[in-house]
Amino acid sequence: MFLLLAMAYDRYVAICKPLRYTVLVNRTVCHVLVGASWGGGFLHGIIVFALTIKLPFCGLSILDSFFCDVRQLAKLTCTNTQWNF
């Protein structure tokens, strides 16, 4: 989501303000967008991990797919996960 936001800003400037593109999207702005994308992704991952790690799991621990998604883990819990996810 954060990376798509950075790409949308880049395309907006390229289409709507093409003559000022090099001024508005310079090296510093690119570094800020990349850092915000990495930081936002890391923060989101930490929050999801913190919410998932405290859930009690019981019964079979078999996932329906190869990718271990948060929704798949929520199906394996014994409690109501409506407020967590």
Protein backbone atom coordinates (compact mmCIF):
# COMPACT_ATOMS: atom_id res chain seq x y z
CA MET A 1 0.00 0.00 0.00
CA PHE A 2 2.80 2.42 0.88
CA LEU A 3 4.70 1.58 -2.29
CA LEU A 4 1.57 2.14 -4.38
CA LEU A 5 1.15 5.53 -2.72
CA ALA A 6 4.69 6.50 -3.71
CA MET A 7 4.11 5.29 -7.26
CA ALA A 8 0.84 7.24 -7.46
CA TYR A 9 2.61 10.43 -6.38
CA ASP A 10 5.30 9.86 -9.00
CA ARG A 11 2.73 9.35 -11.77
CA TYR A 12 0.69 12.34 -10.60
CA VAL A 13 3.69 14.64 -10.83
CA ALA A 14 4.77 13.14 -14.18
CA ILE A 15 1.33 13.64 -15.74
CA CYS A 16 0.05 16.83 -14.13
CA LYS A 17 3.33 18.78 -13.72
CA PRO A 18 5.75 17.37 -16.30
CA LEU A 19 7.91 20.49 -16.53
CA ARG A 20 8.54 20.55 -12.76
CA TYR A 21 9.08 16.77 -12.42
CA THR A 22 12.81 16.95 -11.73
CA VAL A 23 12.26 19.62 -9.08
CA LEU A 24 9.36 17.87 -7.32
CA VAL A 25 10.75 14.34 -7.52
CA ASN A 26 14.41 14.76 -6.70
CA ARG A 27 16.77 12.34 -4.97
CA THR A 28 15.72 13.48 -1.47
CA VAL A 29 12.01 12.96 -2.19
CA CYS A 30 12.75 9.51 -3.63
CA HIS A 31 14.70 8.57 -0.49
CA VAL A 32 11.87 9.80 1.73
CA LEU A 33 9.27 7.83 -0.27
CA VAL A 34 11.36 4.66 -0.15
CA GLY A 35 12.07 5.08 3.57
CA ALA A 36 8.40 5.73 4.32
CA SER A 37 7.44 2.67 2.30
CA TRP A 38 9.92 0.46 4.15
CA GLY A 39 9.06 1.95 7.54
CA GLY A 40 5.31 1.68 6.98
CA GLY A 41 5.62 -1.92 5.83
CA PHE A 42 7.81 -2.80 8.80
CA LEU A 43 5.41 -1.11 11.24
CA HIS A 44 2.43 -2.91 9.71
CA GLY A 45 4.25 -6.24 9.96
CA ILE A 46 5.13 -5.66 13.63
CA ILE A 47 1.53 -4.76 14.48
CA VAL A 48 0.14 -7.83 12.71
CA PHE A 49 2.75 -10.02 14.41
CA ALA A 50 1.90 -8.59 17.84
CA LEU A 51 -1.81 -9.19 17.31
CA THR A 52 -1.25 -12.74 16.02
CA ILE A 53 1.28 -13.94 18.59
CA LYS A 54 -1.08 -13.48 21.54
CA LEU A 55 -3.93 -15.53 20.03
CA PRO A 56 -4.56 -19.02 21.43
CA PHE A 57 -4.38 -21.79 18.82
CA CYS A 58 -6.07 -25.13 19.43
CA GLY A 59 -7.09 -28.11 17.36
CA LEU A 60 -5.54 -28.97 14.03
CA SER A 61 -2.80 -26.70 12.79
CA ILE A 62 -3.26 -27.34 9.07
CA LEU A 63 -3.51 -24.41 6.70
CA ASP A 64 -5.56 -24.58 3.51
CA SER A 65 -2.90 -22.97 1.34
CA PHE A 66 0.86 -22.75 1.00
CA PHE A 67 1.08 -19.08 1.98
CA CYS A 68 0.65 -18.44 5.71
CA ASP A 69 -1.65 -15.41 5.61
CA VAL A 70 -3.09 -13.62 8.65
CA ARG A 71 -6.65 -14.59 7.67
CA GLN A 72 -5.59 -18.23 7.49
CA LEU A 73 -4.10 -18.03 10.98
CA ALA A 74 -7.25 -16.35 12.30
CA LYS A 75 -9.28 -19.38 11.17
CA LEU A 76 -7.15 -21.64 13.42
CA THR A 77 -7.77 -19.73 16.64
CA CYS A 78 -10.20 -20.71 19.38
CA THR A 79 -11.40 -17.18 20.12
CA ASN A 80 -13.32 -14.48 18.34
CA THR A 81 -10.89 -12.54 16.12
CA GLN A 82 -13.31 -9.91 14.87
CA TRP A 83 -11.60 -7.06 16.74
CA ASN A 84 -8.06 -8.18 15.89
CA PHE A 85 -8.38 -8.38 12.11
